[in-house]
N, C-alpha and C. Protein backbone atom coordinates (compact mmCIF):
# COMPACT_ATOMS: atom_id res chain seq x y z
N MET A 1 0.87 -1.24 -0.06
CA MET A 1 0.05 -0.01 -0.02
C MET A 1 1.02 1.25 0.00
N ALA A 2 0.59 2.19 -0.87
CA ALA A 2 1.37 3.35 -0.97
C ALA A 2 1.11 4.12 0.26
N ASN A 3 2.14 5.02 0.74
CA ASN A 3 1.87 5.73 1.76
C ASN A 3 1.41 7.21 1.50
N SER A 4 1.95 7.78 0.67
CA SER A 4 1.71 9.18 0.23
C SER A 4 0.45 9.22 -0.87
N MET A 5 -0.13 10.46 -0.95
CA MET A 5 -1.16 10.56 -2.12
C MET A 5 -0.38 10.46 -3.48
N ALA A 6 0.73 11.15 -3.63
CA ALA A 6 1.43 11.05 -4.80
C ALA A 6 1.76 9.70 -5.22
N GLU A 7 2.14 8.73 -4.33
CA GLU A 7 2.49 7.39 -4.57
C GLU A 7 1.11 6.64 -5.03
N GLN A 8 -0.02 6.91 -4.38
CA GLN A 8 -1.31 6.31 -4.61
C GLN A 8 -1.66 6.66 -6.01
N LEU A 9 -1.59 7.99 -6.38
CA LEU A 9 -1.97 8.44 -7.83
C LEU A 9 -1.20 7.74 -8.85
N GLN A 10 0.09 7.30 -8.57
CA GLN A 10 0.99 6.76 -9.55
C GLN A 10 0.66 5.24 -9.57
N GLN A 11 -0.03 4.59 -8.69
CA GLN A 11 -0.42 3.23 -8.72
C GLN A 11 -1.37 2.95 -9.87
N ASP A 12 -1.45 1.72 -10.39
CA ASP A 12 -2.38 1.28 -11.37
C ASP A 12 -3.56 0.54 -10.53
N MET A 13 -4.38 1.43 -10.18
CA MET A 13 -5.49 1.13 -9.18
C MET A 13 -6.68 0.54 -10.01
N LYS A 14 -7.38 -0.50 -9.56
CA LYS A 14 -8.55 -1.13 -10.11
C LYS A 14 -9.71 -0.81 -9.07
N CYS A 15 -10.87 -0.97 -9.63
CA CYS A 15 -12.00 -0.54 -8.89
C CYS A 15 -12.15 -1.04 -7.46
N GLU A 16 -11.65 -2.35 -7.35
CA GLU A 16 -11.67 -2.95 -6.10
C GLU A 16 -10.72 -2.29 -5.11
N GLY A 17 -9.75 -1.39 -5.65
CA GLY A 17 -8.79 -0.81 -4.72
C GLY A 17 -9.54 0.34 -4.05
N LEU A 18 -10.70 0.78 -4.52
CA LEU A 18 -11.47 1.77 -3.81
C LEU A 18 -12.03 1.31 -2.57
N LEU A 19 -12.25 -0.09 -2.42
CA LEU A 19 -12.73 -0.69 -1.15
C LEU A 19 -11.75 -0.58 -0.08
N GLU A 20 -10.51 -0.70 -0.43
CA GLU A 20 -9.33 -0.61 0.52
C GLU A 20 -8.89 0.90 0.70
N CYS A 21 -8.80 1.67 -0.31
CA CYS A 21 -8.45 3.01 -0.24
C CYS A 21 -9.39 3.89 0.53
N ILE A 22 -10.65 3.76 0.15
CA ILE A 22 -11.79 4.73 0.78
C ILE A 22 -12.17 4.28 2.10
N HIS A 23 -12.40 2.88 2.27
CA HIS A 23 -13.04 2.27 3.42
C HIS A 23 -12.02 1.60 4.26
N GLY A 24 -10.80 1.37 3.82
CA GLY A 24 -9.75 0.48 4.60
C GLY A 24 -10.16 -0.93 4.76
N LEU A 25 -10.94 -1.56 3.84
CA LEU A 25 -11.20 -2.85 3.85
C LEU A 25 -10.08 -3.70 3.39
N LYS A 26 -10.04 -4.95 4.14
CA LYS A 26 -8.85 -5.83 3.86
C LYS A 26 -9.13 -6.81 2.70
N GLN A 27 -8.31 -7.60 2.43
CA GLN A 27 -8.47 -8.60 1.25
C GLN A 27 -9.54 -9.47 1.70
N LEU A 28 -9.57 -10.09 2.81
CA LEU A 28 -10.82 -10.88 3.16
C LEU A 28 -12.10 -10.28 2.97
N ASP A 29 -12.09 -8.92 3.44
CA ASP A 29 -13.42 -8.23 3.17
C ASP A 29 -13.81 -8.21 1.73
N LYS A 30 -12.78 -8.03 0.84
CA LYS A 30 -13.19 -7.97 -0.49
C LYS A 30 -13.56 -9.40 -0.90
N GLU A 31 -12.94 -10.47 -0.47
CA GLU A 31 -13.33 -11.72 -0.79
C GLU A 31 -14.84 -12.06 -0.36
N CYS A 32 -15.18 -11.70 0.80
CA CYS A 32 -16.47 -11.81 1.46
C CYS A 32 -17.53 -11.05 0.62
N PHE A 33 -17.20 -9.94 0.22
CA PHE A 33 -18.00 -9.03 -0.55
C PHE A 33 -18.33 -9.75 -1.97
N ARG A 34 -17.25 -10.23 -2.57
CA ARG A 34 -17.26 -10.90 -3.96
C ARG A 34 -18.19 -12.11 -3.72
N ALA A 35 -18.17 -12.88 -2.63
CA ALA A 35 -18.91 -14.04 -2.47
C ALA A 35 -20.36 -13.81 -2.44
N MET A 36 -20.75 -12.67 -1.79
CA MET A 36 -22.20 -12.05 -1.73
C MET A 36 -22.72 -11.64 -2.95
N VAL A 37 -21.73 -11.00 -3.74
CA VAL A 37 -22.22 -10.50 -5.04
C VAL A 37 -22.40 -11.64 -6.08
N GLU A 38 -21.62 -12.60 -5.99
CA GLU A 38 -21.70 -13.75 -6.82
C GLU A 38 -22.87 -14.73 -6.48
N ALA A 39 -23.29 -14.61 -5.22
CA ALA A 39 -24.51 -15.50 -4.70
C ALA A 39 -25.76 -15.23 -5.39
N ASP A 40 -26.58 -16.21 -5.67
CA ASP A 40 -27.94 -16.00 -6.20
C ASP A 40 -28.89 -15.58 -5.20
N GLU A 41 -28.62 -15.73 -3.86
CA GLU A 41 -29.43 -15.38 -2.89
C GLU A 41 -28.59 -14.88 -1.57
N PRO A 42 -29.35 -14.23 -0.67
CA PRO A 42 -28.64 -13.69 0.56
C PRO A 42 -27.94 -15.05 1.20
N LEU A 43 -26.72 -14.62 1.90
CA LEU A 43 -26.02 -15.68 2.58
C LEU A 43 -26.01 -15.55 4.01
N THR A 44 -25.92 -16.62 4.73
CA THR A 44 -25.70 -16.52 6.15
C THR A 44 -24.15 -16.40 6.49
N ILE A 45 -23.85 -16.08 7.70
CA ILE A 45 -22.33 -16.09 7.94
C ILE A 45 -21.76 -17.46 7.63
N ASP A 46 -22.20 -18.46 7.97
CA ASP A 46 -21.88 -19.82 7.66
C ASP A 46 -21.67 -19.93 6.25
N ASP A 47 -22.51 -19.47 5.34
CA ASP A 47 -22.40 -19.65 3.92
C ASP A 47 -21.16 -18.80 3.51
N VAL A 48 -21.01 -17.71 3.97
CA VAL A 48 -19.77 -16.79 3.49
C VAL A 48 -18.59 -17.38 3.96
N ALA A 49 -18.56 -17.98 5.35
CA ALA A 49 -17.34 -18.50 5.88
C ALA A 49 -16.92 -19.73 4.91
N GLU A 50 -17.76 -20.52 4.44
CA GLU A 50 -17.59 -21.75 3.65
C GLU A 50 -17.03 -21.28 2.28
N ARG A 51 -17.62 -20.22 1.75
CA ARG A 51 -17.27 -19.70 0.32
C ARG A 51 -15.78 -19.24 0.23
N VAL A 52 -15.52 -18.45 1.40
CA VAL A 52 -14.02 -17.93 1.48
C VAL A 52 -13.16 -18.79 2.31
N ASP A 53 -13.51 -19.93 2.66
CA ASP A 53 -12.80 -20.84 3.19
C ASP A 53 -11.99 -20.28 4.53
N ARG A 54 -12.81 -19.77 5.28
CA ARG A 54 -12.23 -19.24 6.71
C ARG A 54 -13.21 -19.78 7.86
N GLU A 55 -12.82 -19.49 9.07
CA GLU A 55 -13.57 -19.82 10.28
C GLU A 55 -14.79 -18.84 10.32
N ARG A 56 -15.94 -19.36 11.01
CA ARG A 56 -17.05 -18.48 10.99
C ARG A 56 -16.70 -17.22 11.65
N SER A 57 -15.92 -17.17 12.77
CA SER A 57 -15.63 -16.00 13.60
C SER A 57 -14.82 -14.95 12.74
N THR A 58 -13.96 -15.38 11.78
CA THR A 58 -13.14 -14.56 11.02
C THR A 58 -14.07 -13.89 9.94
N ALA A 59 -15.04 -14.84 9.37
CA ALA A 59 -15.85 -14.35 8.32
C ALA A 59 -16.88 -13.28 9.03
N TYR A 60 -17.29 -13.45 10.26
CA TYR A 60 -18.21 -12.59 11.03
C TYR A 60 -17.56 -11.10 11.13
N ARG A 61 -16.25 -11.15 11.55
CA ARG A 61 -15.65 -9.88 11.71
C ARG A 61 -15.62 -9.10 10.39
N SER A 62 -15.35 -9.88 9.30
CA SER A 62 -15.29 -9.36 7.97
C SER A 62 -16.65 -8.66 7.52
N ILE A 63 -17.60 -9.41 7.78
CA ILE A 63 -18.98 -9.10 7.53
C ILE A 63 -19.47 -7.76 8.34
N GLN A 64 -18.92 -7.73 9.61
CA GLN A 64 -19.11 -6.45 10.39
C GLN A 64 -18.55 -5.28 9.85
N ARG A 65 -17.32 -5.41 9.25
CA ARG A 65 -16.59 -4.24 8.47
C ARG A 65 -17.38 -3.78 7.34
N LEU A 66 -17.89 -4.89 6.49
CA LEU A 66 -18.64 -4.56 5.37
C LEU A 66 -20.07 -3.91 5.55
N LEU A 67 -20.58 -4.31 6.86
CA LEU A 67 -21.88 -3.54 7.18
C LEU A 67 -21.65 -2.13 7.60
N GLN A 68 -20.50 -2.00 8.36
CA GLN A 68 -20.24 -0.65 8.77
C GLN A 68 -19.99 0.23 7.69
N SER A 69 -19.30 -0.26 6.63
CA SER A 69 -19.00 0.49 5.47
C SER A 69 -20.22 0.77 4.60
N GLY A 70 -21.29 0.03 4.77
CA GLY A 70 -22.38 0.17 3.87
C GLY A 70 -22.43 -0.70 2.64
N PHE A 71 -21.43 -1.46 2.53
CA PHE A 71 -21.30 -2.39 1.22
C PHE A 71 -22.43 -3.57 1.31
N ILE A 72 -22.83 -3.95 2.35
CA ILE A 72 -23.81 -5.16 2.55
C ILE A 72 -25.04 -4.68 3.41
N GLN A 73 -26.05 -5.38 3.25
CA GLN A 73 -27.22 -5.17 4.25
C GLN A 73 -27.61 -6.44 4.88
N LYS A 74 -28.19 -6.37 6.04
CA LYS A 74 -28.50 -7.48 6.98
C LYS A 74 -30.01 -7.58 7.16
N GLU A 75 -30.49 -8.87 6.92
CA GLU A 75 -31.89 -8.98 7.02
C GLU A 75 -32.22 -10.09 8.03
N GLN A 76 -33.14 -9.92 8.99
CA GLN A 76 -33.48 -10.99 9.96
C GLN A 76 -34.61 -11.97 9.32
N ILE A 77 -34.36 -13.17 9.43
CA ILE A 77 -35.24 -14.16 8.92
C ILE A 77 -35.88 -14.96 10.25
N ASN A 78 -37.17 -15.00 10.32
CA ASN A 78 -37.79 -15.50 11.55
C ASN A 78 -38.27 -16.97 11.15
N TYR A 79 -38.01 -17.87 12.12
CA TYR A 79 -38.46 -19.29 12.10
C TYR A 79 -39.97 -19.22 12.58
N ASP A 80 -40.61 -20.15 11.87
CA ASP A 80 -42.13 -20.19 12.29
C ASP A 80 -42.27 -20.63 13.69
N GLN A 81 -41.54 -21.57 14.30
CA GLN A 81 -41.57 -22.04 15.70
C GLN A 81 -40.78 -21.15 16.69
N GLY A 82 -40.37 -19.89 16.23
CA GLY A 82 -39.65 -19.07 17.09
C GLY A 82 -38.08 -19.03 16.74
N GLY A 83 -37.56 -18.04 17.09
CA GLY A 83 -36.04 -17.83 16.78
C GLY A 83 -35.89 -17.24 15.35
N TYR A 84 -34.72 -16.87 15.22
CA TYR A 84 -34.38 -16.15 13.88
C TYR A 84 -32.86 -16.36 13.50
N TYR A 85 -32.47 -15.96 12.30
CA TYR A 85 -31.21 -15.95 11.90
C TYR A 85 -30.97 -14.75 10.96
N HIS A 86 -29.79 -14.38 10.52
CA HIS A 86 -29.61 -13.21 9.68
C HIS A 86 -28.95 -13.71 8.41
N VAL A 87 -29.33 -13.04 7.36
CA VAL A 87 -28.75 -13.19 5.96
C VAL A 87 -28.18 -11.79 5.50
N TYR A 88 -27.22 -11.83 4.80
CA TYR A 88 -26.57 -10.73 4.25
C TYR A 88 -26.54 -10.66 2.68
N TYR A 89 -26.68 -9.52 2.18
CA TYR A 89 -26.62 -9.48 0.69
C TYR A 89 -26.03 -7.98 0.34
N PRO A 90 -25.47 -7.87 -0.83
CA PRO A 90 -24.67 -6.66 -1.17
C PRO A 90 -25.67 -5.49 -1.27
N THR A 91 -25.25 -4.26 -1.01
CA THR A 91 -26.01 -3.10 -1.23
C THR A 91 -25.99 -2.80 -2.69
N ASP A 92 -26.95 -2.11 -3.18
CA ASP A 92 -27.04 -1.62 -4.63
C ASP A 92 -25.83 -0.84 -4.95
N PRO A 93 -25.08 -1.29 -6.04
CA PRO A 93 -23.86 -0.62 -6.38
C PRO A 93 -23.92 0.79 -6.63
N GLU A 94 -25.15 1.36 -7.16
CA GLU A 94 -25.29 2.66 -7.40
C GLU A 94 -25.28 3.48 -6.00
N GLN A 95 -25.95 2.89 -4.97
CA GLN A 95 -25.88 3.46 -3.65
C GLN A 95 -24.51 3.54 -3.15
N ILE A 96 -23.58 2.47 -3.32
CA ILE A 96 -22.46 2.32 -2.74
C ILE A 96 -21.47 3.50 -3.42
N ALA A 97 -21.58 3.60 -4.81
CA ALA A 97 -20.90 4.61 -5.61
C ALA A 97 -21.29 6.09 -5.11
N ASP A 98 -22.54 6.30 -4.88
CA ASP A 98 -23.14 7.61 -4.55
C ASP A 98 -22.50 7.87 -3.02
N ASP A 99 -22.40 6.91 -2.20
CA ASP A 99 -21.77 7.14 -0.85
C ASP A 99 -20.34 7.43 -0.87
N MET A 100 -19.69 6.73 -1.89
CA MET A 100 -18.12 6.84 -2.05
C MET A 100 -17.96 8.19 -2.60
N GLN A 101 -18.78 8.74 -3.51
CA GLN A 101 -18.73 10.02 -4.19
C GLN A 101 -18.91 11.12 -3.23
N ARG A 102 -19.93 10.98 -2.38
CA ARG A 102 -20.09 11.93 -1.25
C ARG A 102 -18.83 11.97 -0.20
N MET A 103 -18.41 10.95 0.06
CA MET A 103 -17.17 10.85 0.98
C MET A 103 -16.07 11.52 0.36
N LEU A 104 -15.75 11.22 -1.02
CA LEU A 104 -14.75 11.89 -1.62
C LEU A 104 -14.82 13.41 -1.79
N ASN A 105 -16.03 13.82 -1.97
CA ASN A 105 -16.34 15.25 -2.15
C ASN A 105 -16.04 15.93 -0.65
N ASP A 106 -16.42 15.28 0.41
CA ASP A 106 -16.13 15.83 1.71
C ASP A 106 -14.63 15.84 1.94
N TRP A 107 -14.11 14.79 1.54
CA TRP A 107 -12.60 14.73 1.76
C TRP A 107 -11.91 15.92 0.96
N TYR A 108 -12.34 16.14 -0.31
CA TYR A 108 -11.78 17.12 -1.06
C TYR A 108 -12.02 18.45 -0.46
N ALA A 109 -13.22 18.76 0.00
CA ALA A 109 -13.46 20.14 0.68
C ALA A 109 -12.54 20.04 2.02
N LYS A 110 -12.29 19.28 2.73
CA LYS A 110 -11.38 19.37 3.88
C LYS A 110 -10.03 19.65 3.33
N MET A 111 -9.55 18.87 2.44
CA MET A 111 -8.31 19.07 1.89
C MET A 111 -8.10 20.55 1.33
N GLY A 112 -9.13 21.04 0.67
CA GLY A 112 -9.03 22.41 0.22
C GLY A 112 -8.81 23.38 1.32
N GLN A 113 -9.62 23.11 2.54
CA GLN A 113 -9.49 23.99 3.70
C GLN A 113 -8.02 23.99 4.43
N LEU A 114 -7.50 22.77 4.19
CA LEU A 114 -6.31 22.63 4.92
C LEU A 114 -5.11 23.29 4.06
N ILE A 115 -5.29 23.14 2.72
CA ILE A 115 -4.41 23.94 1.79
C ILE A 115 -4.54 25.33 2.03
N GLN A 116 -5.81 25.78 2.14
CA GLN A 116 -5.87 27.36 2.36
C GLN A 116 -5.26 27.69 3.65
N GLU A 117 -5.40 27.07 4.69
CA GLU A 117 -4.74 27.28 6.02
C GLU A 117 -3.30 27.20 5.89
N PHE A 118 -2.72 26.22 5.11
CA PHE A 118 -1.35 26.29 4.87
C PHE A 118 -0.78 27.44 4.19
N GLU A 119 -1.49 28.00 3.12
CA GLU A 119 -1.25 29.16 2.27
C GLU A 119 -1.26 30.39 3.24
N ASP A 120 -2.34 30.38 4.11
CA ASP A 120 -2.42 31.53 5.04
C ASP A 120 -1.48 31.62 6.01
N LYS A 121 -1.01 30.45 6.47
CA LYS A 121 0.05 30.42 7.60
C LYS A 121 1.45 30.74 7.17
N TYR A 122 1.72 30.31 5.97
CA TYR A 122 3.19 30.38 5.34
C TYR A 122 3.21 31.51 4.29
N GLU A 123 2.23 32.24 3.92
CA GLU A 123 2.41 33.26 3.00
C GLU A 123 3.36 34.33 3.29
N GLY A 124 3.27 34.85 4.42
CA GLY A 124 4.26 35.94 4.90
C GLY A 124 5.64 35.39 5.20
N VAL A 125 5.81 34.16 5.38
CA VAL A 125 7.02 33.69 5.70
C VAL A 125 8.12 33.84 4.61
N GLU A 126 7.68 33.60 3.42
CA GLU A 126 8.57 33.77 2.24
C GLU A 126 8.98 35.26 2.02
N GLU A 127 8.03 36.00 2.28
CA GLU A 127 8.54 37.54 2.03
C GLU A 127 9.43 38.01 3.21
N THR A 128 9.31 37.35 4.48
CA THR A 128 10.19 37.81 5.52
C THR A 128 11.55 36.99 5.29
N THR A 129 11.64 35.94 4.77
CA THR A 129 12.75 35.12 4.52
C THR A 129 13.72 35.82 3.45
N VAL A 130 12.95 36.29 2.39
CA VAL A 130 13.60 36.95 1.21
C VAL A 130 14.13 38.32 1.70
N SER A 131 13.44 38.95 2.48
CA SER A 131 13.89 40.31 2.92
C SER A 131 14.97 40.27 3.95
N ALA A 132 15.02 39.16 4.78
CA ALA A 132 16.21 38.90 5.69
C ALA A 132 17.52 38.51 4.87
N GLU A 133 17.31 37.92 3.85
CA GLU A 133 18.56 37.52 2.90
C GLU A 133 19.03 38.59 2.36
N ARG A 134 18.48 39.71 2.05
CA ARG A 134 18.99 40.67 1.31
C ARG A 134 19.93 41.55 2.25
């Protein structure tokens, strides 16, 4: 993973790189997300764990990160005789893209403010340094 923005911009990034870059998701998170996207129906945690060949608890942690980032949705299924279980399915890609665009716009606005603060803070320093050197 590149450390600076300049290094990130020079990388050949693919769309899945957005998951890592914007949301800090891990490789396993991407595998779990892909398993849900490729499934014909919503999956339980056990289903996801089996598809990515990991322990249930490991898959659960990954699914929690995906839920927090908004990439997947959770639905409760009730048994007729009582009790329930949860299934997970991917969020609509258009909604994910809209959320990422909003996050990027917010980030861009914050960076613009920081750049302006930098300029305001150091604008007079150059003039003072040039005057002192003469």
